[in-house]
Amino acid sequence: MERLIQVLLKVLVLFLIITVGYVVSRCGILSQEGSRTLSRLVICVTFPAYILGRAMAAEQASPRLVLLMLGLSFAHYLVLFGLAWLWPRVFRVPAAQIGSYRFMLTFANVGFVGFPVVAAVLGDEAVFAATMFNLPFNLLVYTVGVMMLRGSRGQRFNPRLLLTPSVVACLLAIVIALVPIRWPGVLRETCQTLGAITTPAALLIIGATLAGMPLRLLAGSPRLYALCAFRLVLMPLLVWAALRGWIGDPIILGVMVLLAGMPVATNGTMLCLTYGGDQQLMAQGTFLTTLLSLLTIPLMALLLQV
């Protein structure tokens, strides 16, 4: 229970940093153009460093475990892609918001929130499995995720996105996970220090985006609350019900259930600023799902103890 409380306090930190972003934007310290510049810095420099730093720091495991988690993760995202395609049709989402809704349904905050939750509920030994399960996220969010956001504005996918720093870093991270190499400490620490900038910067950008919205819009809409319910409650329940009879390892099952119920990924707003999409809707979704996860995370922890 004490460790779970620590996780909930960590989620609370998200709101404090978002609030700082809101205040500094309202005070004119962080402008909308400054947010775009900061987004490009994160996407091109700090997030690739974050990916590589985590891969270098992770303990080596058997190639079988690495490939198993990668396979489960890709299968998980294939299901989500199908649901994301159906969602706008079922809920009659306006054309300008389709890409952002698809992104929010598919990509969750598996890093800053997901890893501490996994460690608190399942123990530190589960973090490596979570890291391997998360690798496809880093690859797909900058390819398929960008396609979703660009598609909402009638733009086609640019193959050059496959050569962006984040995608290249993700491919290198998979190699690092499979090849047992001891990396120089100074290189690992450099990547980790640069990567540590990523989450605070993303949260500041979310706060700055919310600052440009009328206060009455921060509460969201019924359509957005439906997405929150699906992402935070129904999705982890479906994963638990579908896989508990197939996966005998409680650590692997727990990782999949917990990460399935995380709030919207914080880098969604940055990608909207860079590639298109409804950035205000994305900031709303990130804000609301993170807030509501304070209630749903303990419920998931109890589910895994049944």
C-alpha atoms as a PDB file:
ATOM      1  CA  MET A   1       0.000   0.000   0.000  1.00  0.00           C
ATOM      2  CA  GLU A   2       2.829   2.409   0.828  1.00  0.00           C
ATOM      3  CA  ARG A   3       4.428   1.884  -2.568  1.00  0.00           C
ATOM      4  CA  LEU A   4       1.093   2.448  -4.314  1.00  0.00           C
ATOM      5  CA  ILE A   5       0.660   5.719  -2.435  1.00  0.00           C
ATOM      6  CA  GLN A   6       4.097   6.752  -3.686  1.00  0.00           C
ATOM      7  CA  VAL A   7       2.942   6.063  -7.244  1.00  0.00           C
ATOM      8  CA  LEU A   8      -0.193   8.139  -6.766  1.00  0.00           C
ATOM      9  CA  LEU A   9       1.951  10.977  -5.444  1.00  0.00           C
ATOM     10  CA  LYS A  10       4.101  10.657  -8.540  1.00  0.00           C
ATOM     11  CA  VAL A  11       0.993  11.022 -10.710  1.00  0.00           C
ATOM     12  CA  LEU A  12       0.138  14.105  -8.666  1.00  0.00           C
ATOM     13  CA  VAL A  13       3.512  15.531  -9.680  1.00  0.00           C
ATOM     14  CA  LEU A  14       2.217  15.479 -13.265  1.00  0.00           C
ATOM     15  CA  PHE A  15      -0.493  17.950 -12.353  1.00  0.00           C
ATOM     16  CA  LEU A  16       1.882  20.253 -10.546  1.00  0.00           C
ATOM     17  CA  ILE A  17       4.176  20.459 -13.589  1.00  0.00           C
ATOM     18  CA  ILE A  18       1.191  20.904 -15.928  1.00  0.00           C
ATOM     19  CA  THR A  19       0.045  23.707 -13.624  1.00  0.00           C
ATOM     20  CA  VAL A  20       3.457  25.345 -13.882  1.00  0.00           C
ATOM     21  CA  GLY A  21       3.184  25.185 -17.678  1.00  0.00           C
ATOM     22  CA  TYR A  22      -0.270  26.752 -17.465  1.00  0.00           C
ATOM     23  CA  VAL A  23       0.933  29.590 -15.222  1.00  0.00           C
ATOM     24  CA  VAL A  24       4.110  30.432 -17.151  1.00  0.00           C
ATOM     25  CA  SER A  25       2.123  30.503 -20.389  1.00  0.00           C
ATOM     26  CA  ARG A  26      -0.516  32.806 -18.908  1.00  0.00           C
ATOM     27  CA  CYS A  27       2.306  35.044 -17.664  1.00  0.00           C
ATOM     28  CA  GLY A  28       3.839  35.192 -21.145  1.00  0.00           C
ATOM     29  CA  ILE A  29       7.025  33.329 -20.214  1.00  0.00           C
ATOM     30  CA  LEU A  30       6.303  30.343 -22.485  1.00  0.00           C
ATOM     31  CA  SER A  31       4.650  31.417 -25.744  1.00  0.00           C
ATOM     32  CA  GLN A  32       2.974  29.159 -28.292  1.00  0.00           C
ATOM     33  CA  GLU A  33       5.998  29.533 -30.558  1.00  0.00           C
ATOM     34  CA  GLY A  34       8.215  28.650 -27.610  1.00  0.00           C
ATOM     35  CA  SER A  35       6.109  25.508 -27.087  1.00  0.00           C
ATOM     36  CA  ARG A  36       6.670  24.485 -30.708  1.00  0.00           C
ATOM     37  CA  THR A  37      10.422  25.009 -30.380  1.00  0.00           C
ATOM     38  CA  LEU A  38      10.507  23.019 -27.158  1.00  0.00           C
ATOM     39  CA  SER A  39       8.501  20.255 -28.860  1.00  0.00           C
ATOM     40  CA  ARG A  40      11.039  19.975 -31.663  1.00  0.00           C
ATOM     41  CA  LEU A  41      13.887  19.813 -29.136  1.00  0.00           C
ATOM     42  CA  VAL A  42      12.190  16.981 -27.244  1.00  0.00           C
ATOM     43  CA  ILE A  43      11.255  15.017 -30.363  1.00  0.00           C
ATOM     44  CA  CYS A  44      14.671  15.323 -32.008  1.00  0.00           C
ATOM     45  CA  VAL A  45      17.058  15.230 -29.020  1.00  0.00           C
ATOM     46  CA  THR A  46      15.807  14.424 -25.525  1.00  0.00           C
ATOM     47  CA  PHE A  47      13.309  11.642 -26.313  1.00  0.00           C
ATOM     48  CA  PRO A  48      15.791   9.645 -28.452  1.00  0.00           C
ATOM     49  CA  ALA A  49      18.274  10.024 -25.584  1.00  0.00           C
ATOM     50  CA  TYR A  50      15.589   8.797 -23.161  1.00  0.00           C
ATOM     51  CA  ILE A  51      15.016   5.655 -25.267  1.00  0.00           C
ATOM     52  CA  LEU A  52      18.723   4.836 -25.537  1.00  0.00           C
ATOM     53  CA  GLY A  53      19.407   5.603 -21.877  1.00  0.00           C
ATOM     54  CA  ARG A  54      16.698   3.187 -20.719  1.00  0.00           C
ATOM     55  CA  ALA A  55      17.921   0.471 -23.075  1.00  0.00           C
ATOM     56  CA  MET A  56      21.525   0.817 -21.870  1.00  0.00           C
ATOM     57  CA  ALA A  57      20.490   0.764 -18.205  1.00  0.00           C
ATOM     58  CA  ALA A  58      18.176  -2.251 -18.494  1.00  0.00           C
ATOM     59  CA  GLU A  59      19.429  -5.591 -17.239  1.00  0.00           C
ATOM     60  CA  GLN A  60      20.150  -8.187 -19.861  1.00  0.00           C
ATOM     61  CA  ALA A  61      17.590 -10.955 -20.188  1.00  0.00           C
ATOM     62  CA  SER A  62      17.203 -14.011 -22.344  1.00  0.00           C
ATOM     63  CA  PRO A  63      16.430 -13.307 -26.015  1.00  0.00           C
ATOM     64  CA  ARG A  64      13.333 -15.482 -25.533  1.00  0.00           C
ATOM     65  CA  LEU A  65      11.853 -13.074 -22.947  1.00  0.00           C
ATOM     66  CA  VAL A  66      12.738 -10.050 -25.079  1.00  0.00           C
ATOM     67  CA  LEU A  67      11.122 -11.530 -28.195  1.00  0.00           C
ATOM     68  CA  LEU A  68       8.075 -12.696 -26.224  1.00  0.00           C
ATOM     69  CA  MET A  69       7.418  -9.206 -24.822  1.00  0.00           C
ATOM     70  CA  LEU A  70       8.001  -7.609 -28.225  1.00  0.00           C
ATOM     71  CA  GLY A  71       5.571 -10.058 -29.846  1.00  0.00           C
ATOM     72  CA  LEU A  72       2.894  -9.482 -27.203  1.00  0.00           C
ATOM     73  CA  SER A  73       3.333  -5.734 -27.533  1.00  0.00           C
ATOM     74  CA  PHE A  74       2.960  -5.694 -31.326  1.00  0.00           C
ATOM     75  CA  ALA A  75      -0.138  -7.914 -31.043  1.00  0.00           C
ATOM     76  CA  HIS A  76      -1.539  -5.524 -28.424  1.00  0.00           C
ATOM     77  CA  TYR A  77      -1.080  -2.552 -30.741  1.00  0.00           C
ATOM     78  CA  LEU A  78      -2.616  -4.341 -33.713  1.00  0.00           C
ATOM     79  CA  VAL A  79      -5.817  -4.749 -31.684  1.00  0.00           C
ATOM     80  CA  LEU A  80      -5.680  -1.097 -30.638  1.00  0.00           C
ATOM     81  CA  PHE A  81      -5.250   0.028 -34.257  1.00  0.00           C
ATOM     82  CA  GLY A  82      -8.458  -1.779 -35.140  1.00  0.00           C
ATOM     83  CA  LEU A  83     -10.321  -0.211 -32.226  1.00  0.00           C
ATOM     84  CA  ALA A  84      -8.924   3.217 -33.095  1.00  0.00           C
ATOM     85  CA  TRP A  85     -10.203   2.853 -36.658  1.00  0.00           C
ATOM     86  CA  LEU A  86     -13.710   1.969 -35.424  1.00  0.00           C
ATOM     87  CA  TRP A  87     -13.950   4.540 -32.624  1.00  0.00           C
ATOM     88  CA  PRO A  88     -14.637   7.676 -34.735  1.00  0.00           C
ATOM     89  CA  ARG A  89     -17.345   5.839 -36.669  1.00  0.00           C
ATOM     90  CA  VAL A  90     -19.130   4.637 -33.540  1.00  0.00           C
ATOM     91  CA  PHE A  91     -18.984   7.976 -31.705  1.00  0.00           C
ATOM     92  CA  ARG A  92     -19.373  10.208 -34.793  1.00  0.00           C
ATOM     93  CA  VAL A  93     -16.166  12.126 -34.130  1.00  0.00           C
ATOM     94  CA  PRO A  94     -15.770  15.380 -36.124  1.00  0.00           C
ATOM     95  CA  ALA A  95     -13.299  15.026 -38.991  1.00  0.00           C
ATOM     96  CA  ALA A  96     -10.803  17.492 -37.518  1.00  0.00           C
ATOM     97  CA  GLN A  97     -10.599  15.452 -34.280  1.00  0.00           C
ATOM     98  CA  ILE A  98     -10.385  11.914 -35.698  1.00  0.00           C
ATOM     99  CA  GLY A  99      -6.593  11.731 -35.640  1.00  0.00           C
ATOM    100  CA  SER A 100      -6.322  12.952 -32.064  1.00  0.00           C
ATOM    101  CA  TYR A 101      -8.977  10.513 -30.813  1.00  0.00           C
ATOM    102  CA  ARG A 102      -7.270   7.610 -32.566  1.00  0.00           C
ATOM    103  CA  PHE A 103      -3.950   8.611 -31.034  1.00  0.00           C
ATOM    104  CA  MET A 104      -5.385   8.941 -27.509  1.00  0.00           C
ATOM    105  CA  LEU A 105      -7.042   5.540 -27.734  1.00  0.00           C
ATOM    106  CA  THR A 106      -3.878   3.826 -28.946  1.00  0.00           C
ATOM    107  CA  PHE A 107      -0.933   5.399 -27.126  1.00  0.00           C
ATOM    108  CA  ALA A 108      -0.647   5.594 -23.332  1.00  0.00           C
ATOM    109  CA  ASN A 109       1.784   7.059 -20.825  1.00  0.00           C
ATOM    110  CA  VAL A 110       3.714   3.849 -20.311  1.00  0.00           C
ATOM    111  CA  GLY A 111       6.934   5.602 -19.310  1.00  0.00           C
ATOM    112  CA  PHE A 112       6.594   8.268 -16.632  1.00  0.00           C
ATOM    113  CA  VAL A 113       3.475   6.717 -15.074  1.00  0.00           C
ATOM    114  CA  GLY A 114       3.522   3.111 -16.316  1.00  0.00           C
ATOM    115  CA  PHE A 115       6.966   2.025 -15.103  1.00  0.00           C
ATOM    116  CA  PRO A 116       6.563   3.305 -11.509  1.00  0.00           C
ATOM    117  CA  VAL A 117       3.124   1.662 -11.334  1.00  0.00           C
ATOM    118  CA  VAL A 118       4.556  -1.663 -12.538  1.00  0.00           C
ATOM    119  CA  ALA A 119       7.380  -1.439  -9.973  1.00  0.00           C
ATOM    120  CA  ALA A 120       4.978  -0.603  -7.137  1.00  0.00           C
ATOM    121  CA  VAL A 121       2.396  -3.285  -7.923  1.00  0.00           C
ATOM    122  CA  LEU A 122       4.550  -6.117  -9.293  1.00  0.00           C
ATOM    123  CA  GLY A 123       8.030  -5.352  -7.937  1.00  0.00           C
ATOM    124  CA  ASP A 124      11.242  -4.052  -9.487  1.00  0.00           C
ATOM    125  CA  GLU A 125      11.840  -7.349 -11.302  1.00  0.00           C
ATOM    126  CA  ALA A 126       8.878  -6.567 -13.588  1.00  0.00           C
ATOM    127  CA  VAL A 127      10.359  -3.284 -14.867  1.00  0.00           C
ATOM    128  CA  PHE A 128      12.556  -5.012 -17.464  1.00  0.00           C
ATOM    129  CA  ALA A 129       9.547  -6.828 -18.945  1.00  0.00           C
ATOM    130  CA  ALA A 130       7.703  -3.493 -19.029  1.00  0.00           C
ATOM    131  CA  THR A 131      10.660  -1.863 -20.778  1.00  0.00           C
ATOM    132  CA  MET A 132      10.681  -4.536 -23.483  1.00  0.00           C
ATOM    133  CA  PHE A 133       6.898  -4.317 -23.869  1.00  0.00           C
ATOM    134  CA  ASN A 134       7.279  -0.551 -24.303  1.00  0.00           C
ATOM    135  CA  LEU A 135       9.837  -0.630 -27.136  1.00  0.00           C
ATOM    136  CA  PRO A 136       7.227  -0.960 -29.929  1.00  0.00           C
ATOM    137  CA  PHE A 137       5.462   2.102 -28.495  1.00  0.00           C
ATOM    138  CA  ASN A 138       8.526   4.218 -29.179  1.00  0.00           C
ATOM    139  CA  LEU A 139       8.649   2.931 -32.751  1.00  0.00           C
ATOM    140  CA  LEU A 140       4.928   3.095 -33.532  1.00  0.00           C
ATOM    141  CA  VAL A 141       4.137   6.450 -31.938  1.00  0.00           C
ATOM    142  CA  TYR A 142       6.507   8.220 -34.347  1.00  0.00           C
ATOM    143  CA  THR A 143       5.296   6.321 -37.408  1.00  0.00           C
ATOM    144  CA  VAL A 144       1.690   5.146 -37.084  1.00  0.00           C
ATOM    145  CA  GLY A 145       0.944   7.805 -34.451  1.00  0.00           C
ATOM    146  CA  VAL A 146       2.135  10.563 -36.761  1.00  0.00           C
ATOM    147  CA  MET A 147       0.109   9.033 -39.590  1.00  0.00           C
ATOM    148  CA  MET A 148      -2.996   9.270 -37.398  1.00  0.00           C
ATOM    149  CA  LEU A 149      -2.411  12.944 -36.661  1.00  0.00           C
ATOM    150  CA  ARG A 150      -1.495  13.853 -40.226  1.00  0.00           C
ATOM    151  CA  GLY A 151      -4.483  11.935 -41.546  1.00  0.00           C
ATOM    152  CA  SER A 152      -6.816  14.154 -39.541  1.00  0.00           C
ATOM    153  CA  ARG A 153      -5.741  17.005 -41.817  1.00  0.00           C
ATOM    154  CA  GLY A 154      -5.699  15.130 -45.072  1.00  0.00           C
ATOM    155  CA  GLN A 155      -1.922  14.685 -45.198  1.00  0.00           C
ATOM    156  CA  ARG A 156      -0.177  11.528 -46.362  1.00  0.00           C
ATOM    157  CA  PHE A 157       2.462   9.622 -44.508  1.00  0.00           C
ATOM    158  CA  ASN A 158       6.008  10.745 -45.286  1.00  0.00           C
ATOM    159  CA  PRO A 159       8.463   7.805 -45.505  1.00  0.00           C
ATOM    160  CA  ARG A 160      11.150  10.096 -44.110  1.00  0.00           C
ATOM    161  CA  LEU A 161       9.486   9.686 -40.721  1.00  0.00           C
ATOM    162  CA  LEU A 162      11.138   6.258 -40.612  1.00  0.00           C
ATOM    163  CA  LEU A 163      14.481   8.082 -40.378  1.00  0.00           C
ATOM    164  CA  THR A 164      13.547  10.465 -37.545  1.00  0.00           C
ATOM    165  CA  PRO A 165      15.845  10.417 -34.493  1.00  0.00           C
ATOM    166  CA  SER A 166      13.175   8.789 -32.284  1.00  0.00           C
ATOM    167  CA  VAL A 167      12.534   5.896 -34.691  1.00  0.00           C
ATOM    168  CA  VAL A 168      16.271   5.311 -35.223  1.00  0.00           C
ATOM    169  CA  ALA A 169      16.813   5.377 -31.445  1.00  0.00           C
ATOM    170  CA  CYS A 170      14.041   2.813 -30.956  1.00  0.00           C
ATOM    171  CA  LEU A 171      15.562   0.422 -33.500  1.00  0.00           C
ATOM    172  CA  LEU A 172      18.934   0.808 -31.804  1.00  0.00           C
ATOM    173  CA  ALA A 173      17.298   0.132 -28.433  1.00  0.00           C
ATOM    174  CA  ILE A 174      15.947  -3.199 -29.701  1.00  0.00           C
ATOM    175  CA  VAL A 175      19.454  -4.161 -30.829  1.00  0.00           C
ATOM    176  CA  ILE A 176      20.863  -3.086 -27.449  1.00  0.00           C
ATOM    177  CA  ALA A 177      18.276  -5.261 -25.688  1.00  0.00           C
ATOM    178  CA  LEU A 178      19.195  -8.323 -27.723  1.00  0.00           C
ATOM    179  CA  VAL A 179      23.000  -7.916 -27.826  1.00  0.00           C
ATOM    180  CA  PRO A 180      24.783  -8.200 -24.441  1.00  0.00           C
ATOM    181  CA  ILE A 181      27.195  -5.234 -24.583  1.00  0.00           C
ATOM    182  CA  ARG A 182      28.475  -3.310 -21.568  1.00  0.00           C
ATOM    183  CA  TRP A 183      28.109   0.343 -22.508  1.00  0.00           C
ATOM    184  CA  PRO A 184      30.483   3.052 -21.165  1.00  0.00           C
ATOM    185  CA  GLY A 185      29.047   4.655 -18.052  1.00  0.00           C
ATOM    186  CA  VAL A 186      29.622   8.180 -19.343  1.00  0.00           C
ATOM    187  CA  LEU A 187      27.617   7.473 -22.519  1.00  0.00           C
ATOM    188  CA  ARG A 188      24.763   5.904 -20.545  1.00  0.00           C
ATOM    189  CA  GLU A 189      24.686   8.781 -18.051  1.00  0.00           C
ATOM    190  CA  THR A 190      24.705  11.364 -20.853  1.00  0.00           C
ATOM    191  CA  CYS A 191      21.673   9.756 -22.480  1.00  0.00           C
ATOM    192  CA  GLN A 192      19.865   9.407 -19.155  1.00  0.00           C
ATOM    193  CA  THR A 193      20.530  13.042 -18.177  1.00  0.00           C
ATOM    194  CA  LEU A 194      19.302  14.345 -21.532  1.00  0.00           C
ATOM    195  CA  GLY A 195      16.335  11.976 -21.430  1.00  0.00           C
ATOM    196  CA  ALA A 196      15.310  13.248 -18.003  1.00  0.00           C
ATOM    197  CA  ILE A 197      14.302  16.535 -19.664  1.00  0.00           C
ATOM    198  CA  THR A 198      11.628  14.806 -21.758  1.00  0.00           C
ATOM    199  CA  THR A 199       8.768  14.350 -19.312  1.00  0.00           C
ATOM    200  CA  PRO A 200       8.932  17.782 -17.601  1.00  0.00           C
ATOM    201  CA  ALA A 201       9.150  19.482 -21.003  1.00  0.00           C
ATOM    202  CA  ALA A 202       6.156  17.528 -22.332  1.00  0.00           C
ATOM    203  CA  LEU A 203       4.085  18.439 -19.265  1.00  0.00           C
ATOM    204  CA  LEU A 204       4.998  22.122 -19.560  1.00  0.00           C
ATOM    205  CA  ILE A 205       3.828  22.044 -23.173  1.00  0.00           C
ATOM    206  CA  ILE A 206       0.513  20.465 -22.132  1.00  0.00           C
ATOM    207  CA  GLY A 207       0.018  23.183 -19.513  1.00  0.00           C
ATOM    208  CA  ALA A 208       0.837  25.901 -22.037  1.00  0.00           C
ATOM    209  CA  THR A 209      -1.681  24.433 -24.469  1.00  0.00           C
ATOM    210  CA  LEU A 210      -4.392  24.328 -21.792  1.00  0.00           C
ATOM    211  CA  ALA A 211      -3.643  27.979 -20.998  1.00  0.00           C
ATOM    212  CA  GLY A 212      -4.863  28.930 -24.462  1.00  0.00           C
ATOM    213  CA  MET A 213      -8.283  27.361 -23.839  1.00  0.00           C
ATOM    214  CA  PRO A 214     -11.311  28.829 -22.037  1.00  0.00           C
ATOM    215  CA  LEU A 215     -11.655  27.367 -18.537  1.00  0.00           C
ATOM    216  CA  ARG A 216     -15.079  25.909 -19.344  1.00  0.00           C
ATOM    217  CA  LEU A 217     -13.471  23.610 -21.952  1.00  0.00           C
ATOM    218  CA  LEU A 218     -11.096  21.968 -19.464  1.00  0.00           C
ATOM    219  CA  ALA A 219     -13.937  19.780 -18.177  1.00  0.00           C
ATOM    220  CA  GLY A 220     -14.147  17.987 -21.534  1.00  0.00           C
ATOM    221  CA  SER A 221     -17.137  16.531 -23.378  1.00  0.00           C
ATOM    222  CA  PRO A 222     -19.240  13.335 -23.106  1.00  0.00           C
ATOM    223  CA  ARG A 223     -17.345  11.898 -26.072  1.00  0.00           C
ATOM    224  CA  LEU A 224     -14.035  12.524 -24.315  1.00  0.00           C
ATOM    225  CA  TYR A 225     -15.280  10.965 -21.067  1.00  0.00           C
ATOM    226  CA  ALA A 226     -16.277   7.861 -23.031  1.00  0.00           C
ATOM    227  CA  LEU A 227     -12.693   7.601 -24.248  1.00  0.00           C
ATOM    228  CA  CYS A 228     -11.408   8.060 -20.692  1.00  0.00           C
ATOM    229  CA  ALA A 229     -13.619   5.217 -19.467  1.00  0.00           C
ATOM    230  CA  PHE A 230     -12.474   2.911 -22.245  1.00  0.00           C
ATOM    231  CA  ARG A 231      -8.768   3.705 -21.901  1.00  0.00           C
ATOM    232  CA  LEU A 232      -8.583   3.586 -18.101  1.00  0.00           C
ATOM    233  CA  VAL A 233     -11.165   0.928 -17.171  1.00  0.00           C
ATOM    234  CA  LEU A 234     -12.485  -1.198 -20.004  1.00  0.00           C
ATOM    235  CA  MET A 235      -9.201  -1.723 -21.833  1.00  0.00           C
ATOM    236  CA  PRO A 236      -7.272  -3.251 -18.888  1.00  0.00           C
ATOM    237  CA  LEU A 237     -10.321  -5.356 -18.001  1.00  0.00           C
ATOM    238  CA  LEU A 238     -10.463  -6.736 -21.549  1.00  0.00           C
ATOM    239  CA  VAL A 239      -6.736  -7.547 -21.514  1.00  0.00           C
ATOM    240  CA  TRP A 240      -7.076  -9.291 -18.140  1.00  0.00           C
ATOM    241  CA  ALA A 241     -10.136 -11.307 -19.219  1.00  0.00           C
ATOM    242  CA  ALA A 242      -8.643 -12.305 -22.578  1.00  0.00           C
ATOM    243  CA  LEU A 243      -5.168 -13.338 -21.396  1.00  0.00           C
ATOM    244  CA  ARG A 244      -5.435 -14.653 -17.838  1.00  0.00           C
ATOM    245  CA  GLY A 245      -6.200 -18.152 -19.153  1.00  0.00           C
ATOM    246  CA  TRP A 246      -3.354 -18.050 -21.698  1.00  0.00           C
ATOM    247  CA  ILE A 247      -0.441 -16.439 -19.865  1.00  0.00           C
ATOM    248  CA  GLY A 248       0.705 -18.388 -16.840  1.00  0.00           C
ATOM    249  CA  ASP A 249       3.370 -15.916 -15.717  1.00  0.00           C
ATOM    250  CA  PRO A 250       1.672 -13.404 -13.366  1.00  0.00           C
ATOM    251  CA  ILE A 251       4.447 -10.846 -13.983  1.00  0.00           C
ATOM    252  CA  ILE A 252       3.909 -10.774 -17.751  1.00  0.00           C
ATOM    253  CA  LEU A 253       0.130 -10.714 -17.368  1.00  0.00           C
ATOM    254  CA  GLY A 254       0.360  -7.952 -14.771  1.00  0.00           C
ATOM    255  CA  VAL A 255       2.607  -5.828 -16.977  1.00  0.00           C
ATOM    256  CA  MET A 256       0.174  -6.058 -19.881  1.00  0.00           C
ATOM    257  CA  VAL A 257      -2.875  -5.250 -17.740  1.00  0.00           C
ATOM    258  CA  LEU A 258      -1.282  -2.308 -15.956  1.00  0.00           C
ATOM    259  CA  LEU A 259       0.195  -0.700 -19.068  1.00  0.00           C
ATOM    260  CA  ALA A 260      -3.101  -1.140 -20.924  1.00  0.00           C
ATOM    261  CA  GLY A 261      -4.799   1.143 -18.395  1.00  0.00           C
ATOM    262  CA  MET A 262      -2.403   4.085 -18.368  1.00  0.00           C
ATOM    263  CA  PRO A 263      -3.475   7.676 -19.220  1.00  0.00           C
ATOM    264  CA  VAL A 264      -2.886   9.270 -22.621  1.00  0.00           C
ATOM    265  CA  ALA A 265       0.768   9.641 -23.664  1.00  0.00           C
ATOM    266  CA  THR A 266       2.234  13.023 -22.773  1.00  0.00           C
ATOM    267  CA  ASN A 267       4.037  13.353 -26.115  1.00  0.00           C
ATOM    268  CA  GLY A 268       0.721  13.504 -28.012  1.00  0.00           C
ATOM    269  CA  THR A 269       0.414  17.262 -27.569  1.00  0.00           C
ATOM    270  CA  MET A 270       3.980  17.784 -28.803  1.00  0.00           C
ATOM    271  CA  LEU A 271       3.298  15.686 -31.897  1.00  0.00           C
ATOM    272  CA  CYS A 272       0.133  17.687 -32.601  1.00  0.00           C
ATOM    273  CA  LEU A 273       2.174  20.882 -32.494  1.00  0.00           C
ATOM    274  CA  THR A 274       4.713  19.421 -34.916  1.00  0.00           C
ATOM    275  CA  TYR A 275       2.700  17.246 -37.304  1.00  0.00           C
ATOM    276  CA  GLY A 276      -0.947  18.360 -36.998  1.00  0.00           C
ATOM    277  CA  GLY A 277      -3.980  17.201 -35.075  1.00  0.00           C
ATOM    278  CA  ASP A 278      -6.201  18.909 -32.527  1.00  0.00           C
ATOM    279  CA  GLN A 279      -3.672  19.950 -29.883  1.00  0.00           C
ATOM    280  CA  GLN A 280      -6.276  21.361 -27.500  1.00  0.00           C
ATOM    281  CA  LEU A 281      -8.271  18.123 -27.569  1.00  0.00           C
ATOM    282  CA  MET A 282      -5.073  16.146 -27.011  1.00  0.00           C
ATOM    283  CA  ALA A 283      -4.155  18.316 -24.017  1.00  0.00           C
ATOM    284  CA  GLN A 284      -7.690  17.873 -22.621  1.00  0.00           C
ATOM    285  CA  GLY A 285      -7.481  14.099 -22.996  1.00  0.00           C
ATOM    286  CA  THR A 286      -4.049  13.923 -21.376  1.00  0.00           C
ATOM    287  CA  PHE A 287      -5.190  16.116 -18.475  1.00  0.00           C
ATOM    288  CA  LEU A 288      -8.435  14.220 -17.794  1.00  0.00           C
ATOM    289  CA  THR A 289      -7.052  10.685 -18.136  1.00  0.00           C
ATOM    290  CA  THR A 290      -4.131  11.524 -15.856  1.00  0.00           C
ATOM    291  CA  LEU A 291      -6.504  12.988 -13.268  1.00  0.00           C
ATOM    292  CA  LEU A 292      -8.893  10.010 -13.396  1.00  0.00           C
ATOM    293  CA  SER A 293      -6.022   7.509 -13.256  1.00  0.00           C
ATOM    294  CA  LEU A 294      -5.607   8.465  -9.596  1.00  0.00           C
ATOM    295  CA  LEU A 295      -8.821   6.471  -9.081  1.00  0.00           C
ATOM    296  CA  THR A 296      -8.350   3.669 -11.616  1.00  0.00           C
ATOM    297  CA  ILE A 297      -4.748   2.667 -10.848  1.00  0.00           C
ATOM    298  CA  PRO A 298      -5.604   1.321  -7.355  1.00  0.00           C
ATOM    299  CA  LEU A 299      -8.522  -0.598  -8.880  1.00  0.00           C
ATOM    300  CA  MET A 300      -6.196  -2.291 -11.377  1.00  0.00           C
ATOM    301  CA  ALA A 301      -3.830  -3.197  -8.550  1.00  0.00           C
ATOM    302  CA  LEU A 302      -6.698  -4.857  -6.687  1.00  0.00           C
ATOM    303  CA  LEU A 303      -7.767  -6.693  -9.862  1.00  0.00           C
ATOM    304  CA  LEU A 304      -4.361  -8.315 -10.185  1.00  0.00           C
ATOM    305  CA  GLN A 305      -4.571  -9.583  -6.612  1.00  0.00           C
ATOM    306  CA  VAL A 306      -7.833 -11.481  -7.306  1.00  0.00           C
END
